[in-house]
Amino acid sequence: MASSVPIFYDNVVISINIFILLFSLVVQAVALIHCLIQKGPGFQALGTLPKGAWAAIIGVCLLLTAVTRGYLLISMIGIAASLVYLLDVRPGLKDISDGKGFW
């Protein structure tokens, strides 16, 4: 019986999973490095989680993503946590450190 699935289906799935794994690792590593080089009082002034909490959340997600080799659910949770940090917390920290305030 002939299969209706193209022969290259597995190769496409493997390629997509590798891309998601690499993207997830890069985004999480950038977020973790940025979090670690920031000063702790900036997080308190921003009114968000402390620096240690953000570093722990992103670090655990990065570790789990690396250990599970990009299991899709773990990768997406890690990407979401990292993007929340990069798109919400990082601009606030930048505004505080520049001395321009939030406006």
PDB file of N, CA and C in Angstrom:
ATOM      1  N   MET A   1       0.843  -1.171   0.000  1.00  0.00           N
ATOM      2  CA  MET A   1       0.000   0.000   0.000  1.00  0.00           C
ATOM      3  C   MET A   1       0.894   1.242   0.000  1.00  0.00           C
ATOM      4  N   ALA A   2       0.592   2.147  -0.840  1.00  0.00           N
ATOM      5  CA  ALA A   2       1.393   3.369  -0.976  1.00  0.00           C
ATOM      6  C   ALA A   2       1.027   4.363   0.119  1.00  0.00           C
ATOM      7  N   SER A   3       2.025   5.060   0.589  1.00  0.00           N
ATOM      8  CA  SER A   3       1.814   6.073   1.611  1.00  0.00           C
ATOM      9  C   SER A   3       1.496   7.407   0.949  1.00  0.00           C
ATOM     10  N   SER A   4       0.592   8.140   1.540  1.00  0.00           N
ATOM     11  CA  SER A   4       0.233   9.433   0.976  1.00  0.00           C
ATOM     12  C   SER A   4       1.125  10.552   1.509  1.00  0.00           C
ATOM     13  N   VAL A   5       1.994  10.226   2.439  1.00  0.00           N
ATOM     14  CA  VAL A   5       2.894  11.214   3.012  1.00  0.00           C
ATOM     15  C   VAL A   5       4.164  11.254   2.157  1.00  0.00           C
ATOM     16  N   PRO A   6       4.609  12.442   1.795  1.00  0.00           N
ATOM     17  CA  PRO A   6       5.834  12.544   1.004  1.00  0.00           C
ATOM     18  C   PRO A   6       7.027  11.931   1.742  1.00  0.00           C
ATOM     19  N   ILE A   7       7.988  11.495   0.988  1.00  0.00           N
ATOM     20  CA  ILE A   7       9.156  10.829   1.547  1.00  0.00           C
ATOM     21  C   ILE A   7       9.951  11.765   2.455  1.00  0.00           C
ATOM     22  N   PHE A   8       9.977  13.013   2.146  1.00  0.00           N
ATOM     23  CA  PHE A   8      10.794  13.958   2.896  1.00  0.00           C
ATOM     24  C   PHE A   8      10.106  14.533   4.126  1.00  0.00           C
ATOM     25  N   TYR A   9       8.969  14.016   4.512  1.00  0.00           N
ATOM     26  CA  TYR A   9       8.211  14.531   5.653  1.00  0.00           C
ATOM     27  C   TYR A   9       9.065  14.518   6.929  1.00  0.00           C
ATOM     28  N   ASP A  10       9.720  13.405   7.194  1.00  0.00           N
ATOM     29  CA  ASP A  10      10.532  13.305   8.412  1.00  0.00           C
ATOM     30  C   ASP A  10      11.665  14.316   8.405  1.00  0.00           C
ATOM     31  N   ASN A  11      12.269  14.537   7.261  1.00  0.00           N
ATOM     32  CA  ASN A  11      13.354  15.514   7.175  1.00  0.00           C
ATOM     33  C   ASN A  11      12.854  16.926   7.473  1.00  0.00           C
ATOM     34  N   VAL A  12      11.675  17.250   7.002  1.00  0.00           N
ATOM     35  CA  VAL A  12      11.099  18.575   7.265  1.00  0.00           C
ATOM     36  C   VAL A  12      10.803  18.737   8.753  1.00  0.00           C
ATOM     37  N   VAL A  13      10.233  17.742   9.370  1.00  0.00           N
ATOM     38  CA  VAL A  13       9.926  17.803  10.801  1.00  0.00           C
ATOM     39  C   VAL A  13      11.201  17.936  11.622  1.00  0.00           C
ATOM     40  N   ILE A  14      12.226  17.180  11.280  1.00  0.00           N
ATOM     41  CA  ILE A  14      13.499  17.268  11.996  1.00  0.00           C
ATOM     42  C   ILE A  14      14.107  18.657  11.817  1.00  0.00           C
ATOM     43  N   SER A  15      14.051  19.203  10.629  1.00  0.00           N
ATOM     44  CA  SER A  15      14.610  20.537  10.379  1.00  0.00           C
ATOM     45  C   SER A  15      13.868  21.611  11.177  1.00  0.00           C
ATOM     46  N   ILE A  16      12.561  21.534  11.232  1.00  0.00           N
ATOM     47  CA  ILE A  16      11.772  22.497  12.000  1.00  0.00           C
ATOM     48  C   ILE A  16      12.089  22.382  13.489  1.00  0.00           C
ATOM     49  N   ASN A  17      12.215  21.157  13.991  1.00  0.00           N
ATOM     50  CA  ASN A  17      12.537  20.974  15.409  1.00  0.00           C
ATOM     51  C   ASN A  17      13.921  21.513  15.748  1.00  0.00           C
ATOM     52  N   ILE A  18      14.880  21.325  14.860  1.00  0.00           N
ATOM     53  CA  ILE A  18      16.229  21.864  15.083  1.00  0.00           C
ATOM     54  C   ILE A  18      16.191  23.382  15.065  1.00  0.00           C
ATOM     55  N   PHE A  19      15.441  23.989  14.150  1.00  0.00           N
ATOM     56  CA  PHE A  19      15.315  25.440  14.101  1.00  0.00           C
ATOM     57  C   PHE A  19      14.689  25.975  15.385  1.00  0.00           C
ATOM     58  N   ILE A  20      13.633  25.342  15.864  1.00  0.00           N
ATOM     59  CA  ILE A  20      12.979  25.783  17.098  1.00  0.00           C
ATOM     60  C   ILE A  20      13.931  25.643  18.279  1.00  0.00           C
ATOM     61  N   LEU A  21      14.698  24.548  18.320  1.00  0.00           N
ATOM     62  CA  LEU A  21      15.656  24.357  19.399  1.00  0.00           C
ATOM     63  C   LEU A  21      16.719  25.457  19.392  1.00  0.00           C
ATOM     64  N   LEU A  22      17.300  25.725  18.240  1.00  0.00           N
ATOM     65  CA  LEU A  22      18.342  26.751  18.155  1.00  0.00           C
ATOM     66  C   LEU A  22      17.787  28.140  18.472  1.00  0.00           C
ATOM     67  N   PHE A  23      16.621  28.460  17.938  1.00  0.00           N
ATOM     68  CA  PHE A  23      15.994  29.751  18.216  1.00  0.00           C
ATOM     69  C   PHE A  23      15.725  29.897  19.706  1.00  0.00           C
ATOM     70  N   SER A  24      15.193  28.856  20.313  1.00  0.00           N
ATOM     71  CA  SER A  24      14.874  28.884  21.733  1.00  0.00           C
ATOM     72  C   SER A  24      16.132  29.065  22.576  1.00  0.00           C
ATOM     73  N   LEU A  25      17.185  28.328  22.260  1.00  0.00           N
ATOM     74  CA  LEU A  25      18.426  28.436  23.024  1.00  0.00           C
ATOM     75  C   LEU A  25      19.043  29.825  22.896  1.00  0.00           C
ATOM     76  N   VAL A  26      19.020  30.393  21.696  1.00  0.00           N
ATOM     77  CA  VAL A  26      19.605  31.717  21.486  1.00  0.00           C
ATOM     78  C   VAL A  26      18.814  32.787  22.238  1.00  0.00           C
ATOM     79  N   VAL A  27      17.498  32.775  22.114  1.00  0.00           N
ATOM     80  CA  VAL A  27      16.669  33.790  22.784  1.00  0.00           C
ATOM     81  C   VAL A  27      16.826  33.683  24.305  1.00  0.00           C
ATOM     82  N   GLN A  28      16.817  32.475  24.818  1.00  0.00           N
ATOM     83  CA  GLN A  28      16.943  32.300  26.262  1.00  0.00           C
ATOM     84  C   GLN A  28      18.333  32.680  26.749  1.00  0.00           C
ATOM     85  N   ALA A  29      19.369  32.362  25.987  1.00  0.00           N
ATOM     86  CA  ALA A  29      20.729  32.728  26.385  1.00  0.00           C
ATOM     87  C   ALA A  29      20.913  34.245  26.386  1.00  0.00           C
ATOM     88  N   VAL A  30      20.376  34.923  25.392  1.00  0.00           N
ATOM     89  CA  VAL A  30      20.474  36.386  25.340  1.00  0.00           C
ATOM     90  C   VAL A  30      19.749  37.001  26.535  1.00  0.00           C
ATOM     91  N   ALA A  31      18.569  36.501  26.842  1.00  0.00           N
ATOM     92  CA  ALA A  31      17.807  37.035  27.981  1.00  0.00           C
ATOM     93  C   ALA A  31      18.540  36.774  29.296  1.00  0.00           C
ATOM     94  N   LEU A  32      19.111  35.596  29.455  1.00  0.00           N
ATOM     95  CA  LEU A  32      19.817  35.274  30.689  1.00  0.00           C
ATOM     96  C   LEU A  32      21.067  36.126  30.847  1.00  0.00           C
ATOM     97  N   ILE A  33      21.838  36.282  29.785  1.00  0.00           N
ATOM     98  CA  ILE A  33      23.043  37.108  29.859  1.00  0.00           C
ATOM     99  C   ILE A  33      22.683  38.554  30.181  1.00  0.00           C
ATOM    100  N   HIS A  34      21.654  39.078  29.529  1.00  0.00           N
ATOM    101  CA  HIS A  34      21.240  40.454  29.808  1.00  0.00           C
ATOM    102  C   HIS A  34      20.794  40.602  31.256  1.00  0.00           C
ATOM    103  N   CYS A  35      20.061  39.621  31.750  1.00  0.00           N
ATOM    104  CA  CYS A  35      19.577  39.682  33.127  1.00  0.00           C
ATOM    105  C   CYS A  35      20.748  39.657  34.107  1.00  0.00           C
ATOM    106  N   LEU A  36      21.742  38.844  33.849  1.00  0.00           N
ATOM    107  CA  LEU A  36      22.861  38.711  34.780  1.00  0.00           C
ATOM    108  C   LEU A  36      23.751  39.944  34.828  1.00  0.00           C
ATOM    109  N   ILE A  37      23.821  40.708  33.746  1.00  0.00           N
ATOM    110  CA  ILE A  37      24.707  41.876  33.757  1.00  0.00           C
ATOM    111  C   ILE A  37      24.011  43.146  34.246  1.00  0.00           C
ATOM    112  N   GLN A  38      22.729  43.070  34.540  1.00  0.00           N
ATOM    113  CA  GLN A  38      22.005  44.238  35.042  1.00  0.00           C
ATOM    114  C   GLN A  38      22.197  44.374  36.553  1.00  0.00           C
ATOM    115  N   LYS A  39      21.977  45.555  37.066  1.00  0.00           N
ATOM    116  CA  LYS A  39      22.075  45.803  38.504  1.00  0.00           C
ATOM    117  C   LYS A  39      20.758  45.444  39.176  1.00  0.00           C
ATOM    118  N   GLY A  40      20.848  44.862  40.358  1.00  0.00           N
ATOM    119  CA  GLY A  40      19.677  44.415  41.095  1.00  0.00           C
ATOM    120  C   GLY A  40      18.685  45.500  41.474  1.00  0.00           C
ATOM    121  N   PRO A  41      19.141  46.683  41.915  1.00  0.00           N
ATOM    122  CA  PRO A  41      18.179  47.727  42.321  1.00  0.00           C
ATOM    123  C   PRO A  41      17.279  48.216  41.178  1.00  0.00           C
ATOM    124  N   GLY A  42      17.718  48.058  39.951  1.00  0.00           N
ATOM    125  CA  GLY A  42      16.890  48.470  38.820  1.00  0.00           C
ATOM    126  C   GLY A  42      15.604  47.670  38.734  1.00  0.00           C
ATOM    127  N   PHE A  43      15.680  46.403  39.090  1.00  0.00           N
ATOM    128  CA  PHE A  43      14.484  45.553  39.071  1.00  0.00           C
ATOM    129  C   PHE A  43      13.497  46.008  40.137  1.00  0.00           C
ATOM    130  N   GLN A  44      14.011  46.388  41.303  1.00  0.00           N
ATOM    131  CA  GLN A  44      13.137  46.858  42.375  1.00  0.00           C
ATOM    132  C   GLN A  44      12.505  48.192  42.013  1.00  0.00           C
ATOM    133  N   ALA A  45      13.286  49.066  41.396  1.00  0.00           N
ATOM    134  CA  ALA A  45      12.741  50.364  40.987  1.00  0.00           C
ATOM    135  C   ALA A  45      11.676  50.199  39.911  1.00  0.00           C
ATOM    136  N   LEU A  46      11.827  49.182  39.098  1.00  0.00           N
ATOM    137  CA  LEU A  46      10.862  48.919  38.032  1.00  0.00           C
ATOM    138  C   LEU A  46       9.574  48.309  38.584  1.00  0.00           C
ATOM    139  N   GLY A  47       9.671  47.673  39.757  1.00  0.00           N
ATOM    140  CA  GLY A  47       8.488  47.073  40.362  1.00  0.00           C
ATOM    141  C   GLY A  47       8.158  45.708  39.790  1.00  0.00           C
ATOM    142  N   THR A  48       9.169  44.989  39.346  1.00  0.00           N
ATOM    143  CA  THR A  48       8.966  43.662  38.789  1.00  0.00           C
ATOM    144  C   THR A  48       9.622  42.637  39.706  1.00  0.00           C
ATOM    145  N   LEU A  49       9.679  41.410  39.262  1.00  0.00           N
ATOM    146  CA  LEU A  49      10.347  40.375  40.038  1.00  0.00           C
ATOM    147  C   LEU A  49      11.806  40.749  40.259  1.00  0.00           C
ATOM    148  N   PRO A  50      12.397  40.285  41.353  1.00  0.00           N
ATOM    149  CA  PRO A  50      13.817  40.582  41.582  1.00  0.00           C
ATOM    150  C   PRO A  50      14.712  39.936  40.526  1.00  0.00           C
ATOM    151  N   LYS A  51      15.935  40.413  40.468  1.00  0.00           N
ATOM    152  CA  LYS A  51      16.898  39.920  39.495  1.00  0.00           C
ATOM    153  C   LYS A  51      17.096  38.406  39.642  1.00  0.00           C
ATOM    154  N   GLY A  52      17.198  37.930  40.860  1.00  0.00           N
ATOM    155  CA  GLY A  52      17.404  36.503  41.097  1.00  0.00           C
ATOM    156  C   GLY A  52      16.260  35.648  40.574  1.00  0.00           C
ATOM    157  N   ALA A  53      15.048  36.147  40.710  1.00  0.00           N
ATOM    158  CA  ALA A  53      13.890  35.393  40.224  1.00  0.00           C
ATOM    159  C   ALA A  53      13.896  35.300  38.703  1.00  0.00           C
ATOM    160  N   TRP A  54      14.173  36.437  38.037  1.00  0.00           N
ATOM    161  CA  TRP A  54      14.237  36.394  36.571  1.00  0.00           C
ATOM    162  C   TRP A  54      15.362  35.489  36.101  1.00  0.00           C
ATOM    163  N   ALA A  55      16.515  35.577  36.760  1.00  0.00           N
ATOM    164  CA  ALA A  55      17.647  34.732  36.369  1.00  0.00           C
ATOM    165  C   ALA A  55      17.318  33.256  36.587  1.00  0.00           C
ATOM    166  N   ALA A  56      16.633  32.946  37.678  1.00  0.00           N
ATOM    167  CA  ALA A  56      16.264  31.559  37.956  1.00  0.00           C
ATOM    168  C   ALA A  56      15.247  31.040  36.941  1.00  0.00           C
ATOM    169  N   ILE A  57      14.241  31.830  36.638  1.00  0.00           N
ATOM    170  CA  ILE A  57      13.212  31.403  35.678  1.00  0.00           C
ATOM    171  C   ILE A  57      13.821  31.147  34.309  1.00  0.00           C
ATOM    172  N   ILE A  58      14.595  32.098  33.830  1.00  0.00           N
ATOM    173  CA  ILE A  58      15.180  31.960  32.496  1.00  0.00           C
ATOM    174  C   ILE A  58      16.246  30.866  32.492  1.00  0.00           C
ATOM    175  N   GLY A  59      17.037  30.782  33.567  1.00  0.00           N
ATOM    176  CA  GLY A  59      18.073  29.750  33.641  1.00  0.00           C
ATOM    177  C   GLY A  59      17.506  28.347  33.672  1.00  0.00           C
ATOM    178  N   VAL A  60      16.452  28.136  34.444  1.00  0.00           N
ATOM    179  CA  VAL A  60      15.825  26.810  34.504  1.00  0.00           C
ATOM    180  C   VAL A  60      15.212  26.453  33.152  1.00  0.00           C
ATOM    181  N   CYS A  61      14.562  27.419  32.525  1.00  0.00           N
ATOM    182  CA  CYS A  61      13.989  27.163  31.197  1.00  0.00           C
ATOM    183  C   CYS A  61      15.082  26.826  30.184  1.00  0.00           C
ATOM    184  N   LEU A  62      16.198  27.534  30.236  1.00  0.00           N
ATOM    185  CA  LEU A  62      17.317  27.259  29.339  1.00  0.00           C
ATOM    186  C   LEU A  62      17.885  25.870  29.600  1.00  0.00           C
ATOM    187  N   LEU A  63      18.048  25.520  30.860  1.00  0.00           N
ATOM    188  CA  LEU A  63      18.563  24.198  31.213  1.00  0.00           C
ATOM    189  C   LEU A  63      17.618  23.092  30.747  1.00  0.00           C
ATOM    190  N   LEU A  64      16.323  23.268  31.000  1.00  0.00           N
ATOM    191  CA  LEU A  64      15.353  22.250  30.575  1.00  0.00           C
ATOM    192  C   LEU A  64      15.283  22.127  29.056  1.00  0.00           C
ATOM    193  N   THR A  65      15.396  23.245  28.365  1.00  0.00           N
ATOM    194  CA  THR A  65      15.387  23.199  26.906  1.00  0.00           C
ATOM    195  C   THR A  65      16.601  22.454  26.391  1.00  0.00           C
ATOM    196  N   ALA A  66      17.752  22.689  26.990  1.00  0.00           N
ATOM    197  CA  ALA A  66      18.971  22.008  26.552  1.00  0.00           C
ATOM    198  C   ALA A  66      18.923  20.516  26.886  1.00  0.00           C
ATOM    199  N   VAL A  67      18.419  20.178  28.071  1.00  0.00           N
ATOM    200  CA  VAL A  67      18.382  18.777  28.488  1.00  0.00           C
ATOM    201  C   VAL A  67      17.368  17.971  27.672  1.00  0.00           C
ATOM    202  N   THR A  68      16.202  18.563  27.418  1.00  0.00           N
ATOM    203  CA  THR A  68      15.169  17.830  26.673  1.00  0.00           C
ATOM    204  C   THR A  68      15.354  17.930  25.166  1.00  0.00           C
ATOM    205  N   ARG A  69      16.418  18.594  24.751  1.00  0.00           N
ATOM    206  CA  ARG A  69      16.744  18.780  23.333  1.00  0.00           C
ATOM    207  C   ARG A  69      15.590  19.382  22.541  1.00  0.00           C
ATOM    208  N   GLY A  70      14.992  20.379  23.118  1.00  0.00           N
ATOM    209  CA  GLY A  70      14.000  21.151  22.395  1.00  0.00           C
ATOM    210  C   GLY A  70      12.613  20.555  22.356  1.00  0.00           C
ATOM    211  N   TYR A  71      12.241  19.786  23.391  1.00  0.00           N
ATOM    212  CA  TYR A  71      10.868  19.311  23.459  1.00  0.00           C
ATOM    213  C   TYR A  71       9.961  20.527  23.319  1.00  0.00           C
ATOM    214  N   LEU A  72       9.006  20.464  22.427  1.00  0.00           N
ATOM    215  CA  LEU A  72       8.277  21.636  21.966  1.00  0.00           C
ATOM    216  C   LEU A  72       7.630  22.439  23.096  1.00  0.00           C
ATOM    217  N   LEU A  73       6.981  21.784  24.038  1.00  0.00           N
ATOM    218  CA  LEU A  73       6.299  22.500  25.111  1.00  0.00           C
ATOM    219  C   LEU A  73       7.292  23.247  25.995  1.00  0.00           C
ATOM    220  N   ILE A  74       8.370  22.594  26.367  1.00  0.00           N
ATOM    221  CA  ILE A  74       9.391  23.227  27.205  1.00  0.00           C
ATOM    222  C   ILE A  74      10.021  24.403  26.458  1.00  0.00           C
ATOM    223  N   SER A  75      10.288  24.221  25.177  1.00  0.00           N
ATOM    224  CA  SER A  75      10.885  25.303  24.384  1.00  0.00           C
ATOM    225  C   SER A  75       9.972  26.509  24.309  1.00  0.00           C
ATOM    226  N   MET A  76       8.695  26.286  24.107  1.00  0.00           N
ATOM    227  CA  MET A  76       7.757  27.397  24.003  1.00  0.00           C
ATOM    228  C   MET A  76       7.604  28.134  25.331  1.00  0.00           C
ATOM    229  N   ILE A  77       7.624  27.410  26.439  1.00  0.00           N
ATOM    230  CA  ILE A  77       7.562  28.057  27.750  1.00  0.00           C
ATOM    231  C   ILE A  77       8.810  28.906  27.958  1.00  0.00           C
ATOM    232  N   GLY A  78       9.957  28.376  27.590  1.00  0.00           N
ATOM    233  CA  GLY A  78      11.202  29.124  27.717  1.00  0.00           C
ATOM    234  C   GLY A  78      11.234  30.356  26.839  1.00  0.00           C
ATOM    235  N   ILE A  79      10.749  30.222  25.612  1.00  0.00           N
ATOM    236  CA  ILE A  79      10.691  31.378  24.707  1.00  0.00           C
ATOM    237  C   ILE A  79       9.746  32.430  25.270  1.00  0.00           C
ATOM    238  N   ALA A  80       8.610  31.996  25.793  1.00  0.00           N
ATOM    239  CA  ALA A  80       7.640  32.952  26.344  1.00  0.00           C
ATOM    240  C   ALA A  80       8.229  33.707  27.537  1.00  0.00           C
ATOM    241  N   ALA A  81       8.874  32.994  28.443  1.00  0.00           N
ATOM    242  CA  ALA A  81       9.465  33.654  29.608  1.00  0.00           C
ATOM    243  C   ALA A  81      10.566  34.625  29.185  1.00  0.00           C
ATOM    244  N   SER A  82      11.378  34.213  28.231  1.00  0.00           N
ATOM    245  CA  SER A  82      12.470  35.070  27.771  1.00  0.00           C
ATOM    246  C   SER A  82      11.947  36.305  27.046  1.00  0.00           C
ATOM    247  N   LEU A  83      10.923  36.127  26.236  1.00  0.00           N
ATOM    248  CA  LEU A  83      10.367  37.271  25.516  1.00  0.00           C
ATOM    249  C   LEU A  83       9.655  38.243  26.449  1.00  0.00           C
ATOM    250  N   VAL A  84       9.028  37.738  27.512  1.00  0.00           N
ATOM    251  CA  VAL A  84       8.434  38.643  28.496  1.00  0.00           C
ATOM    252  C   VAL A  84       9.534  39.482  29.118  1.00  0.00           C
ATOM    253  N   TYR A  85      10.642  38.850  29.446  1.00  0.00           N
ATOM    254  CA  TYR A  85      11.759  39.612  30.021  1.00  0.00           C
ATOM    255  C   TYR A  85      12.301  40.622  29.007  1.00  0.00           C
ATOM    256  N   LEU A  86      12.580  40.152  27.786  1.00  0.00           N
ATOM    257  CA  LEU A  86      13.213  41.022  26.798  1.00  0.00           C
ATOM    258  C   LEU A  86      12.306  42.156  26.319  1.00  0.00           C
ATOM    259  N   LEU A  87      11.012  41.916  26.226  1.00  0.00           N
ATOM    260  CA  LEU A  87      10.110  42.923  25.680  1.00  0.00           C
ATOM    261  C   LEU A  87       9.428  43.784  26.739  1.00  0.00           C
ATOM    262  N   ASP A  88       9.452  43.353  27.993  1.00  0.00           N
ATOM    263  CA  ASP A  88       8.788  44.120  29.043  1.00  0.00           C
ATOM    264  C   ASP A  88       9.782  44.677  30.048  1.00  0.00           C
ATOM    265  N   VAL A  89      10.621  43.834  30.578  1.00  0.00           N
ATOM    266  CA  VAL A  89      11.529  44.255  31.649  1.00  0.00           C
ATOM    267  C   VAL A  89      12.739  45.005  31.100  1.00  0.00           C
ATOM    268  N   ARG A  90      13.329  44.521  30.036  1.00  0.00           N
ATOM    269  CA  ARG A  90      14.543  45.144  29.492  1.00  0.00           C
ATOM    270  C   ARG A  90      14.348  46.604  29.106  1.00  0.00           C
ATOM    271  N   PRO A  91      13.262  46.982  28.410  1.00  0.00           N
ATOM    272  CA  PRO A  91      13.086  48.413  28.106  1.00  0.00           C
ATOM    273  C   PRO A  91      12.932  49.261  29.366  1.00  0.00           C
ATOM    274  N   GLY A  92      12.270  48.735  30.376  1.00  0.00           N
ATOM    275  CA  GLY A  92      12.135  49.472  31.626  1.00  0.00           C
ATOM    276  C   GLY A  92      13.475  49.668  32.311  1.00  0.00           C
ATOM    277  N   LEU A  93      14.297  48.633  32.298  1.00  0.00           N
ATOM    278  CA  LEU A  93      15.630  48.747  32.885  1.00  0.00           C
ATOM    279  C   LEU A  93      16.485  49.741  32.105  1.00  0.00           C
ATOM    280  N   LYS A  94      16.307  49.759  30.791  1.00  0.00           N
ATOM    281  CA  LYS A  94      17.055  50.710  29.965  1.00  0.00           C
ATOM    282  C   LYS A  94      16.640  52.139  30.292  1.00  0.00           C
ATOM    283  N   ASP A  95      15.348  52.381  30.448  1.00  0.00           N
ATOM    284  CA  ASP A  95      14.862  53.723  30.791  1.00  0.00           C
ATOM    285  C   ASP A  95      15.379  54.169  32.152  1.00  0.00           C
ATOM    286  N   ILE A  96      15.403  53.251  33.106  1.00  0.00           N
ATOM    287  CA  ILE A  96      15.880  53.587  34.444  1.00  0.00           C
ATOM    288  C   ILE A  96      17.380  53.883  34.418  1.00  0.00           C
ATOM    289  N   SER A  97      18.148  53.059  33.725  1.00  0.00           N
ATOM    290  CA  SER A  97      19.602  53.250  33.725  1.00  0.00           C
ATOM    291  C   SER A  97      20.033  54.481  32.939  1.00  0.00           C
ATOM    292  N   ASP A  98      19.250  54.908  31.951  1.00  0.00           N
ATOM    293  CA  ASP A  98      19.587  56.111  31.183  1.00  0.00           C
ATOM    294  C   ASP A  98      19.289  57.380  31.957  1.00  0.00           C
ATOM    295  N   GLY A  99      18.450  57.272  32.975  1.00  0.00           N
ATOM    296  CA  GLY A  99      18.094  58.436  33.763  1.00  0.00           C
ATOM    297  C   GLY A  99      16.995  59.279  33.139  1.00  0.00           C
ATOM    298  N   LYS A 100      16.377  58.797  32.078  1.00  0.00           N
ATOM    299  CA  LYS A 100      15.330  59.555  31.391  1.00  0.00           C
ATOM    300  C   LYS A 100      13.955  59.286  31.992  1.00  0.00           C
ATOM    301  N   GLY A 101      13.834  58.264  32.810  1.00  0.00           N
ATOM    302  CA  GLY A 101      12.545  57.936  33.388  1.00  0.00           C
ATOM    303  C   GLY A 101      11.695  57.157  32.395  1.00  0.00           C
ATOM    304  N   PHE A 102      10.452  56.958  32.750  1.00  0.00           N
ATOM    305  CA  PHE A 102       9.558  56.161  31.926  1.00  0.00           C
ATOM    306  C   PHE A 102       8.913  56.963  30.805  1.00  0.00           C
ATOM    307  N   TRP A 103       8.974  58.260  30.845  1.00  0.00           N
ATOM    308  CA  TRP A 103       8.269  59.070  29.847  1.00  0.00           C
ATOM    309  C   TRP A 103       9.218  59.424  28.801  1.00  0.00           C
TER     310      TRP A 103
END
